[in-house]
Amino acid sequence: MNGSELLKSGRVMLVLDPVPGQSGIHILYEKTKQLMNPLPGEEVWAVFYNNNLSRLKVLHIDVTGVDLLTRRLNHGRFQILNLVSSF
């Protein structure tokens, strides 16, 4: 499976409001359901970040269940591009 096949049927959303670093899979799942309202069986990716941009959390929902991936930086910050102003 290559990267282009990964997102053929799903939606991806960057949540622009930071979430507390201790937010777990249940809190992020509820927030994703409120924001994206996924249909049963729909593949959804929601990307969250914390206040100081040192941690990213990616919530993935599909027919098999829910996954939470976390990436933490020891030094530096993630950069969030302002893509909204481009449209």
C-alpha atoms as a PDB file:
ATOM      1  CA  MET A   1       0.000   0.000   0.000  1.00  0.00           C
ATOM      2  CA  ASN A   2       1.437   3.366  -0.947  1.00  0.00           C
ATOM      3  CA  GLY A   3       0.615   6.769   0.552  1.00  0.00           C
ATOM      4  CA  SER A   4      -1.915   7.689  -2.139  1.00  0.00           C
ATOM      5  CA  GLU A   5      -3.969   4.565  -1.407  1.00  0.00           C
ATOM      6  CA  LEU A   6      -4.040   5.391   2.289  1.00  0.00           C
ATOM      7  CA  LEU A   7      -6.373   8.389   1.951  1.00  0.00           C
ATOM      8  CA  LYS A   8      -8.482   7.481  -1.098  1.00  0.00           C
ATOM      9  CA  SER A   9     -11.716   7.109   0.827  1.00  0.00           C
ATOM     10  CA  GLY A  10     -11.170   9.160   3.959  1.00  0.00           C
ATOM     11  CA  ARG A  11     -11.289  12.706   5.257  1.00  0.00           C
ATOM     12  CA  VAL A  12      -8.483  14.524   7.057  1.00  0.00           C
ATOM     13  CA  MET A  13      -8.975  17.480   9.389  1.00  0.00           C
ATOM     14  CA  LEU A  14      -6.474  19.636  11.250  1.00  0.00           C
ATOM     15  CA  VAL A  15      -8.159  20.824  14.437  1.00  0.00           C
ATOM     16  CA  LEU A  16      -7.033  24.435  14.896  1.00  0.00           C
ATOM     17  CA  ASP A  17      -7.836  24.622  18.617  1.00  0.00           C
ATOM     18  CA  PRO A  18      -5.032  23.192  20.778  1.00  0.00           C
ATOM     19  CA  VAL A  19      -5.922  20.328  23.095  1.00  0.00           C
ATOM     20  CA  PRO A  20      -4.378  19.565  26.495  1.00  0.00           C
ATOM     21  CA  GLY A  21      -1.442  17.185  26.268  1.00  0.00           C
ATOM     22  CA  GLN A  22      -3.111  14.651  28.551  1.00  0.00           C
ATOM     23  CA  SER A  23      -6.146  14.285  26.250  1.00  0.00           C
ATOM     24  CA  GLY A  24      -6.550  10.608  25.491  1.00  0.00           C
ATOM     25  CA  ILE A  25      -8.308   8.544  22.878  1.00  0.00           C
ATOM     26  CA  HIS A  26     -11.789   8.912  24.435  1.00  0.00           C
ATOM     27  CA  ILE A  27     -11.719  12.715  24.648  1.00  0.00           C
ATOM     28  CA  LEU A  28     -10.275  13.095  21.138  1.00  0.00           C
ATOM     29  CA  TYR A  29     -12.772  10.593  19.733  1.00  0.00           C
ATOM     30  CA  GLU A  30     -15.704  12.573  21.151  1.00  0.00           C
ATOM     31  CA  LYS A  31     -14.257  15.832  19.821  1.00  0.00           C
ATOM     32  CA  THR A  32     -13.775  14.257  16.378  1.00  0.00           C
ATOM     33  CA  LYS A  33     -17.357  12.977  16.345  1.00  0.00           C
ATOM     34  CA  GLN A  34     -18.643  16.476  17.203  1.00  0.00           C
ATOM     35  CA  LEU A  35     -16.511  18.255  14.608  1.00  0.00           C
ATOM     36  CA  MET A  36     -16.598  15.824  11.683  1.00  0.00           C
ATOM     37  CA  ASN A  37     -19.765  13.776  12.254  1.00  0.00           C
ATOM     38  CA  PRO A  38     -18.339  10.690  10.501  1.00  0.00           C
ATOM     39  CA  LEU A  39     -20.707   8.262   8.825  1.00  0.00           C
ATOM     40  CA  PRO A  40     -20.628   4.613   9.920  1.00  0.00           C
ATOM     41  CA  GLY A  41     -17.749   2.914   8.117  1.00  0.00           C
ATOM     42  CA  GLU A  42     -16.212   6.181   6.909  1.00  0.00           C
ATOM     43  CA  GLU A  43     -12.452   6.589   7.266  1.00  0.00           C
ATOM     44  CA  VAL A  44     -11.538   9.763   9.177  1.00  0.00           C
ATOM     45  CA  TRP A  45      -8.211  11.280  10.289  1.00  0.00           C
ATOM     46  CA  ALA A  46      -8.166  14.131  12.839  1.00  0.00           C
ATOM     47  CA  VAL A  47      -4.887  15.878  13.701  1.00  0.00           C
ATOM     48  CA  PHE A  48      -4.603  17.598  17.096  1.00  0.00           C
ATOM     49  CA  TYR A  49      -1.741  19.535  18.706  1.00  0.00           C
ATOM     50  CA  ASN A  50      -1.009  20.860  22.191  1.00  0.00           C
ATOM     51  CA  ASN A  51      -0.598  24.483  23.305  1.00  0.00           C
ATOM     52  CA  ASN A  52       3.155  24.733  22.801  1.00  0.00           C
ATOM     53  CA  LEU A  53       3.199  22.676  19.558  1.00  0.00           C
ATOM     54  CA  SER A  54       5.545  20.055  20.981  1.00  0.00           C
ATOM     55  CA  ARG A  55       3.083  17.170  20.601  1.00  0.00           C
ATOM     56  CA  LEU A  56       0.847  15.988  17.745  1.00  0.00           C
ATOM     57  CA  LYS A  57      -1.904  13.433  18.096  1.00  0.00           C
ATOM     58  CA  VAL A  58      -3.574  11.802  15.096  1.00  0.00           C
ATOM     59  CA  LEU A  59      -6.867  10.030  15.631  1.00  0.00           C
ATOM     60  CA  HIS A  60      -7.806   7.524  12.915  1.00  0.00           C
ATOM     61  CA  ILE A  61     -11.296   6.038  12.679  1.00  0.00           C
ATOM     62  CA  ASP A  62     -12.328   3.308  10.236  1.00  0.00           C
ATOM     63  CA  VAL A  63     -14.435   0.145  10.139  1.00  0.00           C
ATOM     64  CA  THR A  64     -11.900  -1.784  12.219  1.00  0.00           C
ATOM     65  CA  GLY A  65     -11.840   0.697  15.117  1.00  0.00           C
ATOM     66  CA  VAL A  66     -10.034   3.740  16.448  1.00  0.00           C
ATOM     67  CA  ASP A  67      -6.268   4.368  16.565  1.00  0.00           C
ATOM     68  CA  LEU A  68      -4.366   7.155  18.294  1.00  0.00           C
ATOM     69  CA  LEU A  69      -0.874   8.014  17.108  1.00  0.00           C
ATOM     70  CA  THR A  70       1.289  10.418  19.115  1.00  0.00           C
ATOM     71  CA  ARG A  71       4.456  12.257  18.150  1.00  0.00           C
ATOM     72  CA  ARG A  72       6.390  14.308  20.720  1.00  0.00           C
ATOM     73  CA  LEU A  73       9.318  16.589  20.008  1.00  0.00           C
ATOM     74  CA  ASN A  74      12.078  16.848  22.612  1.00  0.00           C
ATOM     75  CA  HIS A  75      13.397  20.040  21.017  1.00  0.00           C
ATOM     76  CA  GLY A  76      11.646  22.607  18.844  1.00  0.00           C
ATOM     77  CA  ARG A  77       8.029  22.874  17.779  1.00  0.00           C
ATOM     78  CA  PHE A  78       5.785  21.647  15.016  1.00  0.00           C
ATOM     79  CA  GLN A  79       4.889  24.309  12.472  1.00  0.00           C
ATOM     80  CA  ILE A  80       1.211  24.665  11.604  1.00  0.00           C
ATOM     81  CA  LEU A  81       0.767  26.229   8.185  1.00  0.00           C
ATOM     82  CA  ASN A  82      -2.106  28.651   7.725  1.00  0.00           C
ATOM     83  CA  LEU A  83      -3.759  27.022   4.714  1.00  0.00           C
ATOM     84  CA  VAL A  84      -7.131  28.654   5.348  1.00  0.00           C
ATOM     85  CA  SER A  85      -5.952  32.033   4.049  1.00  0.00           C
ATOM     86  CA  SER A  86      -4.921  30.398   0.738  1.00  0.00           C
ATOM     87  CA  PHE A  87      -8.500  29.654  -0.280  1.00  0.00           C
END
